Amino acid sequence: MNPNTLKVFSDEQLEAELKARAELRNKPPTPLPTIRWDQVSDYIKVGVYEVSLGRGEPKDFEHYLFELVMEAVYGREFWVWWNRNAT
């Protein structure tokens, strides 16, 4: 792109555009129309079963549960937004 192309815009216009882009990029994703709790439910049941056998809480149980819940509500593409905005 020709650098002179941007000269037709005022500083205020350019700043407004950058602000609008940042707001759009940071906007939270939309939840899925239908939340799929089946994987969350299955994971919890397996965890409870492991504990009932005396094996203790499965390794990183809460972390994986968090991931499954977020994907159930927002879908797998949620992590692109999360990783870009949660840091």
PDB file of N, CA and C in Angstrom:
ATOM      1  N   MET A   1       0.837  -1.165   0.000  1.00  0.00           N
ATOM      2  CA  MET A   1       0.000   0.000   0.000  1.00  0.00           C
ATOM      3  C   MET A   1       0.891   1.240   0.000  1.00  0.00           C
ATOM      4  N   ASN A   2       0.442   2.227  -0.696  1.00  0.00           N
ATOM      5  CA  ASN A   2       1.151   3.490  -0.776  1.00  0.00           C
ATOM      6  C   ASN A   2       1.010   4.240   0.553  1.00  0.00           C
ATOM      7  N   PRO A   3       2.113   4.640   1.196  1.00  0.00           N
ATOM      8  CA  PRO A   3       2.022   5.338   2.480  1.00  0.00           C
ATOM      9  C   PRO A   3       1.239   6.642   2.399  1.00  0.00           C
ATOM     10  N   ASN A   4       1.171   7.248   1.251  1.00  0.00           N
ATOM     11  CA  ASN A   4       0.429   8.502   1.095  1.00  0.00           C
ATOM     12  C   ASN A   4      -1.078   8.285   1.156  1.00  0.00           C
ATOM     13  N   THR A   5      -1.526   7.064   1.001  1.00  0.00           N
ATOM     14  CA  THR A   5      -2.952   6.759   1.036  1.00  0.00           C
ATOM     15  C   THR A   5      -3.572   7.161   2.369  1.00  0.00           C
ATOM     16  N   LEU A   6      -2.865   6.982   3.453  1.00  0.00           N
ATOM     17  CA  LEU A   6      -3.388   7.293   4.780  1.00  0.00           C
ATOM     18  C   LEU A   6      -3.429   8.791   5.070  1.00  0.00           C
ATOM     19  N   LYS A   7      -2.733   9.567   4.265  1.00  0.00           N
ATOM     20  CA  LYS A   7      -2.693  11.012   4.503  1.00  0.00           C
ATOM     21  C   LYS A   7      -4.043  11.684   4.278  1.00  0.00           C
ATOM     22  N   VAL A   8      -4.949  11.018   3.605  1.00  0.00           N
ATOM     23  CA  VAL A   8      -6.271  11.605   3.366  1.00  0.00           C
ATOM     24  C   VAL A   8      -7.133  11.563   4.626  1.00  0.00           C
ATOM     25  N   PHE A   9      -6.697  10.815   5.625  1.00  0.00           N
ATOM     26  CA  PHE A   9      -7.444  10.690   6.877  1.00  0.00           C
ATOM     27  C   PHE A   9      -6.805  11.560   7.953  1.00  0.00           C
ATOM     28  N   SER A  10      -7.642  12.149   8.788  1.00  0.00           N
ATOM     29  CA  SER A  10      -7.133  12.939   9.912  1.00  0.00           C
ATOM     30  C   SER A  10      -6.615  11.997  10.991  1.00  0.00           C
ATOM     31  N   ASP A  11      -5.831  12.559  11.903  1.00  0.00           N
ATOM     32  CA  ASP A  11      -5.350  11.777  13.040  1.00  0.00           C
ATOM     33  C   ASP A  11      -6.524  11.235  13.846  1.00  0.00           C
ATOM     34  N   GLU A  12      -7.550  12.062  14.005  1.00  0.00           N
ATOM     35  CA  GLU A  12      -8.735  11.641  14.763  1.00  0.00           C
ATOM     36  C   GLU A  12      -9.434  10.461  14.098  1.00  0.00           C
ATOM     37  N   GLN A  13      -9.517  10.494  12.774  1.00  0.00           N
ATOM     38  CA  GLN A  13     -10.148   9.388  12.052  1.00  0.00           C
ATOM     39  C   GLN A  13      -9.338   8.104  12.200  1.00  0.00           C
ATOM     40  N   LEU A  14      -8.034   8.231  12.095  1.00  0.00           N
ATOM     41  CA  LEU A  14      -7.174   7.053  12.235  1.00  0.00           C
ATOM     42  C   LEU A  14      -7.242   6.494  13.650  1.00  0.00           C
ATOM     43  N   GLU A  15      -7.213   7.370  14.652  1.00  0.00           N
ATOM     44  CA  GLU A  15      -7.315   6.917  16.038  1.00  0.00           C
ATOM     45  C   GLU A  15      -8.663   6.262  16.309  1.00  0.00           C
ATOM     46  N   ALA A  16      -9.736   6.806  15.749  1.00  0.00           N
ATOM     47  CA  ALA A  16     -11.072   6.220  15.914  1.00  0.00           C
ATOM     48  C   ALA A  16     -11.131   4.835  15.275  1.00  0.00           C
ATOM     49  N   GLU A  17     -10.500   4.689  14.131  1.00  0.00           N
ATOM     50  CA  GLU A  17     -10.478   3.382  13.454  1.00  0.00           C
ATOM     51  C   GLU A  17      -9.705   2.359  14.286  1.00  0.00           C
ATOM     52  N   LEU A  18      -8.566   2.753  14.817  1.00  0.00           N
ATOM     53  CA  LEU A  18      -7.788   1.836  15.657  1.00  0.00           C
ATOM     54  C   LEU A  18      -8.561   1.451  16.913  1.00  0.00           C
ATOM     55  N   LYS A  19      -9.239   2.408  17.517  1.00  0.00           N
ATOM     56  CA  LYS A  19     -10.037   2.121  18.702  1.00  0.00           C
ATOM     57  C   LYS A  19     -11.176   1.152  18.365  1.00  0.00           C
ATOM     58  N   ALA A  20     -11.841   1.376  17.237  1.00  0.00           N
ATOM     59  CA  ALA A  20     -12.936   0.487  16.819  1.00  0.00           C
ATOM     60  C   ALA A  20     -12.428  -0.925  16.566  1.00  0.00           C
ATOM     61  N   ARG A  21     -11.268  -1.040  15.960  1.00  0.00           N
ATOM     62  CA  ARG A  21     -10.688  -2.368  15.705  1.00  0.00           C
ATOM     63  C   ARG A  21     -10.333  -3.079  17.001  1.00  0.00           C
ATOM     64  N   ALA A  22      -9.779  -2.338  17.959  1.00  0.00           N
ATOM     65  CA  ALA A  22      -9.420  -2.933  19.254  1.00  0.00           C
ATOM     66  C   ALA A  22     -10.673  -3.411  19.979  1.00  0.00           C
ATOM     67  N   GLU A  23     -11.727  -2.609  19.953  1.00  0.00           N
ATOM     68  CA  GLU A  23     -12.975  -3.006  20.606  1.00  0.00           C
ATOM     69  C   GLU A  23     -13.556  -4.257  19.956  1.00  0.00           C
ATOM     70  N   LEU A  24     -13.510  -4.327  18.638  1.00  0.00           N
ATOM     71  CA  LEU A  24     -14.019  -5.507  17.934  1.00  0.00           C
ATOM     72  C   LEU A  24     -13.187  -6.737  18.263  1.00  0.00           C
ATOM     73  N   ARG A  25     -11.865  -6.570  18.317  1.00  0.00           N
ATOM     74  CA  ARG A  25     -10.967  -7.690  18.607  1.00  0.00           C
ATOM     75  C   ARG A  25     -11.173  -8.199  20.036  1.00  0.00           C
ATOM     76  N   ASN A  26     -11.471  -7.301  20.955  1.00  0.00           N
ATOM     77  CA  ASN A  26     -11.635  -7.669  22.361  1.00  0.00           C
ATOM     78  C   ASN A  26     -13.048  -8.087  22.714  1.00  0.00           C
ATOM     79  N   LYS A  27     -13.994  -7.890  21.806  1.00  0.00           N
ATOM     80  CA  LYS A  27     -15.384  -8.254  22.062  1.00  0.00           C
ATOM     81  C   LYS A  27     -15.475  -9.750  22.359  1.00  0.00           C
ATOM     82  N   PRO A  28     -16.161 -10.102  23.449  1.00  0.00           N
ATOM     83  CA  PRO A  28     -16.262 -11.530  23.784  1.00  0.00           C
ATOM     84  C   PRO A  28     -16.999 -12.305  22.694  1.00  0.00           C
ATOM     85  N   PRO A  29     -16.626 -13.561  22.501  1.00  0.00           N
ATOM     86  CA  PRO A  29     -17.318 -14.380  21.501  1.00  0.00           C
ATOM     87  C   PRO A  29     -18.760 -14.631  21.920  1.00  0.00           C
ATOM     88  N   THR A  30     -19.563 -14.976  20.948  1.00  0.00           N
ATOM     89  CA  THR A  30     -20.972 -15.287  21.195  1.00  0.00           C
ATOM     90  C   THR A  30     -21.095 -16.750  21.604  1.00  0.00           C
ATOM     91  N   PRO A  31     -21.845 -17.021  22.669  1.00  0.00           N
ATOM     92  CA  PRO A  31     -22.057 -18.433  23.050  1.00  0.00           C
ATOM     93  C   PRO A  31     -22.764 -19.199  21.923  1.00  0.00           C
ATOM     94  N   LEU A  32     -22.522 -20.486  21.879  1.00  0.00           N
ATOM     95  CA  LEU A  32     -23.179 -21.330  20.887  1.00  0.00           C
ATOM     96  C   LEU A  32     -24.691 -21.329  21.120  1.00  0.00           C
ATOM     97  N   PRO A  33     -25.472 -21.502  20.069  1.00  0.00           N
ATOM     98  CA  PRO A  33     -26.928 -21.532  20.248  1.00  0.00           C
ATOM     99  C   PRO A  33     -27.404 -22.697  21.112  1.00  0.00           C
ATOM    100  N   THR A  34     -26.685 -23.793  21.039  1.00  0.00           N
ATOM    101  CA  THR A  34     -27.009 -24.959  21.854  1.00  0.00           C
ATOM    102  C   THR A  34     -25.745 -25.382  22.596  1.00  0.00           C
ATOM    103  N   ILE A  35     -25.805 -25.319  23.912  1.00  0.00           N
ATOM    104  CA  ILE A  35     -24.650 -25.709  24.711  1.00  0.00           C
ATOM    105  C   ILE A  35     -24.633 -27.226  24.831  1.00  0.00           C
ATOM    106  N   ARG A  36     -23.476 -27.807  24.574  1.00  0.00           N
ATOM    107  CA  ARG A  36     -23.339 -29.267  24.602  1.00  0.00           C
ATOM    108  C   ARG A  36     -22.640 -29.679  25.882  1.00  0.00           C
ATOM    109  N   TRP A  37     -23.420 -30.115  26.828  1.00  0.00           N
ATOM    110  CA  TRP A  37     -22.893 -30.488  28.135  1.00  0.00           C
ATOM    111  C   TRP A  37     -22.467 -31.948  28.210  1.00  0.00           C
ATOM    112  N   ASP A  38     -22.654 -32.723  27.149  1.00  0.00           N
ATOM    113  CA  ASP A  38     -22.387 -34.161  27.223  1.00  0.00           C
ATOM    114  C   ASP A  38     -20.935 -34.477  27.582  1.00  0.00           C
ATOM    115  N   GLN A  39     -19.967 -33.795  26.972  1.00  0.00           N
ATOM    116  CA  GLN A  39     -18.558 -34.074  27.288  1.00  0.00           C
ATOM    117  C   GLN A  39     -18.214 -33.639  28.710  1.00  0.00           C
ATOM    118  N   VAL A  40     -18.798 -32.526  29.151  1.00  0.00           N
ATOM    119  CA  VAL A  40     -18.562 -32.056  30.518  1.00  0.00           C
ATOM    120  C   VAL A  40     -19.092 -33.091  31.501  1.00  0.00           C
ATOM    121  N   SER A  41     -20.311 -33.531  31.270  1.00  0.00           N
ATOM    122  CA  SER A  41     -20.953 -34.517  32.144  1.00  0.00           C
ATOM    123  C   SER A  41     -20.159 -35.820  32.176  1.00  0.00           C
ATOM    124  N   ASP A  42     -19.737 -36.289  31.017  1.00  0.00           N
ATOM    125  CA  ASP A  42     -18.959 -37.530  30.946  1.00  0.00           C
ATOM    126  C   ASP A  42     -17.640 -37.403  31.713  1.00  0.00           C
ATOM    127  N   TYR A  43     -16.967 -36.273  31.557  1.00  0.00           N
ATOM    128  CA  TYR A  43     -15.689 -36.064  32.239  1.00  0.00           C
ATOM    129  C   TYR A  43     -15.873 -36.045  33.753  1.00  0.00           C
ATOM    130  N   ILE A  44     -16.916 -35.388  34.212  1.00  0.00           N
ATOM    131  CA  ILE A  44     -17.193 -35.340  35.650  1.00  0.00           C
ATOM    132  C   ILE A  44     -17.477 -36.737  36.186  1.00  0.00           C
ATOM    133  N   LYS A  45     -18.255 -37.510  35.463  1.00  0.00           N
ATOM    134  CA  LYS A  45     -18.584 -38.868  35.902  1.00  0.00           C
ATOM    135  C   LYS A  45     -17.334 -39.732  36.013  1.00  0.00           C
ATOM    136  N   VAL A  46     -16.440 -39.597  35.050  1.00  0.00           N
ATOM    137  CA  VAL A  46     -15.190 -40.360  35.097  1.00  0.00           C
ATOM    138  C   VAL A  46     -14.356 -39.925  36.302  1.00  0.00           C
ATOM    139  N   GLY A  47     -14.296 -38.615  36.560  1.00  0.00           N
ATOM    140  CA  GLY A  47     -13.556 -38.126  37.715  1.00  0.00           C
ATOM    141  C   GLY A  47     -14.113 -38.651  39.020  1.00  0.00           C
ATOM    142  N   VAL A  48     -15.443 -38.629  39.151  1.00  0.00           N
ATOM    143  CA  VAL A  48     -16.082 -39.146  40.366  1.00  0.00           C
ATOM    144  C   VAL A  48     -15.806 -40.642  40.506  1.00  0.00           C
ATOM    145  N   TYR A  49     -15.837 -41.360  39.405  1.00  0.00           N
ATOM    146  CA  TYR A  49     -15.566 -42.802  39.437  1.00  0.00           C
ATOM    147  C   TYR A  49     -14.129 -43.074  39.900  1.00  0.00           C
ATOM    148  N   GLU A  50     -13.177 -42.294  39.373  1.00  0.00           N
ATOM    149  CA  GLU A  50     -11.780 -42.455  39.776  1.00  0.00           C
ATOM    150  C   GLU A  50     -11.620 -42.229  41.283  1.00  0.00           C
ATOM    151  N   VAL A  51     -12.279 -41.201  41.789  1.00  0.00           N
ATOM    152  CA  VAL A  51     -12.214 -40.925  43.230  1.00  0.00           C
ATOM    153  C   VAL A  51     -12.848 -42.069  44.014  1.00  0.00           C
ATOM    154  N   SER A  52     -13.959 -42.624  43.518  1.00  0.00           N
ATOM    155  CA  SER A  52     -14.646 -43.711  44.224  1.00  0.00           C
ATOM    156  C   SER A  52     -13.791 -44.967  44.313  1.00  0.00           C
ATOM    157  N   LEU A  53     -12.861 -45.116  43.399  1.00  0.00           N
ATOM    158  CA  LEU A  53     -11.953 -46.266  43.420  1.00  0.00           C
ATOM    159  C   LEU A  53     -10.747 -46.024  44.321  1.00  0.00           C
ATOM    160  N   GLY A  54     -10.710 -44.849  44.929  1.00  0.00           N
ATOM    161  CA  GLY A  54      -9.598 -44.534  45.820  1.00  0.00           C
ATOM    162  C   GLY A  54      -8.362 -44.044  45.096  1.00  0.00           C
ATOM    163  N   ARG A  55      -8.497 -43.637  43.865  1.00  0.00           N
ATOM    164  CA  ARG A  55      -7.354 -43.185  43.080  1.00  0.00           C
ATOM    165  C   ARG A  55      -7.100 -41.683  43.227  1.00  0.00           C
ATOM    166  N   GLY A  56      -7.967 -41.004  43.949  1.00  0.00           N
ATOM    167  CA  GLY A  56      -7.817 -39.557  44.124  1.00  0.00           C
ATOM    168  C   GLY A  56      -8.322 -38.800  42.917  1.00  0.00           C
ATOM    169  N   GLU A  57      -8.206 -37.494  43.028  1.00  0.00           N
ATOM    170  CA  GLU A  57      -8.649 -36.626  41.932  1.00  0.00           C
ATOM    171  C   GLU A  57      -7.755 -36.816  40.719  1.00  0.00           C
ATOM    172  N   PRO A  58      -8.356 -36.962  39.531  1.00  0.00           N
ATOM    173  CA  PRO A  58      -7.525 -37.102  38.328  1.00  0.00           C
ATOM    174  C   PRO A  58      -6.608 -35.891  38.149  1.00  0.00           C
ATOM    175  N   LYS A  59      -5.430 -36.148  37.594  1.00  0.00           N
ATOM    176  CA  LYS A  59      -4.434 -35.090  37.378  1.00  0.00           C
ATOM    177  C   LYS A  59      -5.034 -33.952  36.551  1.00  0.00           C
ATOM    178  N   ASP A  60      -4.847 -32.738  37.019  1.00  0.00           N
ATOM    179  CA  ASP A  60      -5.304 -31.525  36.327  1.00  0.00           C
ATOM    180  C   ASP A  60      -6.802 -31.526  36.045  1.00  0.00           C
ATOM    181  N   PHE A  61      -7.572 -32.150  36.935  1.00  0.00           N
ATOM    182  CA  PHE A  61      -9.016 -32.283  36.742  1.00  0.00           C
ATOM    183  C   PHE A  61      -9.685 -30.926  36.519  1.00  0.00           C
ATOM    184  N   GLU A  62      -9.408 -29.966  37.394  1.00  0.00           N
ATOM    185  CA  GLU A  62     -10.057 -28.656  37.288  1.00  0.00           C
ATOM    186  C   GLU A  62      -9.681 -27.933  36.003  1.00  0.00           C
ATOM    187  N   HIS A  63      -8.447 -28.063  35.587  1.00  0.00           N
ATOM    188  CA  HIS A  63      -8.002 -27.413  34.353  1.00  0.00           C
ATOM    189  C   HIS A  63      -8.768 -27.966  33.150  1.00  0.00           C
ATOM    190  N   TYR A  64      -8.826 -29.288  33.031  1.00  0.00           N
ATOM    191  CA  TYR A  64      -9.519 -29.891  31.897  1.00  0.00           C
ATOM    192  C   TYR A  64     -11.026 -29.636  31.962  1.00  0.00           C
ATOM    193  N   LEU A  65     -11.566 -29.584  33.157  1.00  0.00           N
ATOM    194  CA  LEU A  65     -12.980 -29.280  33.307  1.00  0.00           C
ATOM    195  C   LEU A  65     -13.261 -27.861  32.810  1.00  0.00           C
ATOM    196  N   PHE A  66     -12.407 -26.914  33.172  1.00  0.00           N
ATOM    197  CA  PHE A  66     -12.532 -25.545  32.687  1.00  0.00           C
ATOM    198  C   PHE A  66     -12.532 -25.507  31.163  1.00  0.00           C
ATOM    199  N   GLU A  67     -11.589 -26.212  30.545  1.00  0.00           N
ATOM    200  CA  GLU A  67     -11.518 -26.237  29.084  1.00  0.00           C
ATOM    201  C   GLU A  67     -12.784 -26.810  28.467  1.00  0.00           C
ATOM    202  N   LEU A  68     -13.269 -27.907  29.021  1.00  0.00           N
ATOM    203  CA  LEU A  68     -14.477 -28.526  28.481  1.00  0.00           C
ATOM    204  C   LEU A  68     -15.697 -27.626  28.613  1.00  0.00           C
ATOM    205  N   VAL A  69     -15.806 -26.933  29.738  1.00  0.00           N
ATOM    206  CA  VAL A  69     -16.938 -26.026  29.933  1.00  0.00           C
ATOM    207  C   VAL A  69     -16.879 -24.870  28.934  1.00  0.00           C
ATOM    208  N   MET A  70     -15.722 -24.269  28.775  1.00  0.00           N
ATOM    209  CA  MET A  70     -15.596 -23.146  27.839  1.00  0.00           C
ATOM    210  C   MET A  70     -15.907 -23.588  26.408  1.00  0.00           C
ATOM    211  N   GLU A  71     -15.441 -24.761  26.020  1.00  0.00           N
ATOM    212  CA  GLU A  71     -15.730 -25.258  24.677  1.00  0.00           C
ATOM    213  C   GLU A  71     -17.201 -25.632  24.520  1.00  0.00           C
ATOM    214  N   ALA A  72     -17.826 -26.112  25.580  1.00  0.00           N
ATOM    215  CA  ALA A  72     -19.253 -26.443  25.514  1.00  0.00           C
ATOM    216  C   ALA A  72     -20.084 -25.188  25.283  1.00  0.00           C
ATOM    217  N   VAL A  73     -19.676 -24.095  25.895  1.00  0.00           N
ATOM    218  CA  VAL A  73     -20.442 -22.851  25.789  1.00  0.00           C
ATOM    219  C   VAL A  73     -20.085 -22.068  24.519  1.00  0.00           C
ATOM    220  N   TYR A  74     -18.787 -22.007  24.173  1.00  0.00           N
ATOM    221  CA  TYR A  74     -18.339 -21.146  23.075  1.00  0.00           C
ATOM    222  C   TYR A  74     -17.815 -21.873  21.839  1.00  0.00           C
ATOM    223  N   GLY A  75     -17.505 -23.145  21.939  1.00  0.00           N
ATOM    224  CA  GLY A  75     -16.908 -23.855  20.814  1.00  0.00           C
ATOM    225  C   GLY A  75     -15.391 -23.842  20.902  1.00  0.00           C
ATOM    226  N   ARG A  76     -14.754 -24.680  20.125  1.00  0.00           N
ATOM    227  CA  ARG A  76     -13.290 -24.821  20.185  1.00  0.00           C
ATOM    228  C   ARG A  76     -12.554 -23.563  19.734  1.00  0.00           C
ATOM    229  N   GLU A  77     -13.142 -22.802  18.819  1.00  0.00           N
ATOM    230  CA  GLU A  77     -12.480 -21.596  18.326  1.00  0.00           C
ATOM    231  C   GLU A  77     -12.371 -20.506  19.399  1.00  0.00           C
ATOM    232  N   PHE A  78     -13.032 -20.731  20.527  1.00  0.00           N
ATOM    233  CA  PHE A  78     -12.962 -19.802  21.653  1.00  0.00           C
ATOM    234  C   PHE A  78     -11.529 -19.532  22.074  1.00  0.00           C
ATOM    235  N   TRP A  79     -10.659 -20.515  21.992  1.00  0.00           N
ATOM    236  CA  TRP A  79      -9.301 -20.387  22.522  1.00  0.00           C
ATOM    237  C   TRP A  79      -8.472 -19.365  21.756  1.00  0.00           C
ATOM    238  N   VAL A  80      -8.793 -19.130  20.494  1.00  0.00           N
ATOM    239  CA  VAL A  80      -8.083 -18.095  19.736  1.00  0.00           C
ATOM    240  C   VAL A  80      -8.333 -16.741  20.397  1.00  0.00           C
ATOM    241  N   TRP A  81      -9.615 -16.454  20.686  1.00  0.00           N
ATOM    242  CA  TRP A  81      -9.963 -15.203  21.359  1.00  0.00           C
ATOM    243  C   TRP A  81      -9.339 -15.157  22.753  1.00  0.00           C
ATOM    244  N   TRP A  82      -9.478 -16.237  23.519  1.00  0.00           N
ATOM    245  CA  TRP A  82      -8.977 -16.284  24.893  1.00  0.00           C
ATOM    246  C   TRP A  82      -7.468 -16.024  24.939  1.00  0.00           C
ATOM    247  N   ASN A  83      -6.721 -16.728  24.096  1.00  0.00           N
ATOM    248  CA  ASN A  83      -5.267 -16.592  24.104  1.00  0.00           C
ATOM    249  C   ASN A  83      -4.815 -15.197  23.668  1.00  0.00           C
ATOM    250  N   ARG A  84      -5.584 -14.562  22.814  1.00  0.00           N
ATOM    251  CA  ARG A  84      -5.251 -13.207  22.357  1.00  0.00           C
ATOM    252  C   ARG A  84      -5.572 -12.169  23.435  1.00  0.00           C
ATOM    253  N   ASN A  85      -6.590 -12.403  24.244  1.00  0.00           N
ATOM    254  CA  ASN A  85      -7.079 -11.377  25.164  1.00  0.00           C
ATOM    255  C   ASN A  85      -6.785 -11.640  26.636  1.00  0.00           C
ATOM    256  N   ALA A  86      -6.471 -12.846  27.022  1.00  0.00           N
ATOM    257  CA  ALA A  86      -6.307 -13.172  28.437  1.00  0.00           C
ATOM    258  C   ALA A  86      -4.903 -12.910  28.955  1.00  0.00           C
ATOM    259  N   THR A  87      -4.015 -12.476  28.101  1.00  0.00           N
ATOM    260  CA  THR A  87      -2.631 -12.240  28.540  1.00  0.00           C
ATOM    261  C   THR A  87      -2.408 -10.818  28.962  1.00  0.00           C
TER     262      THR A  87
END
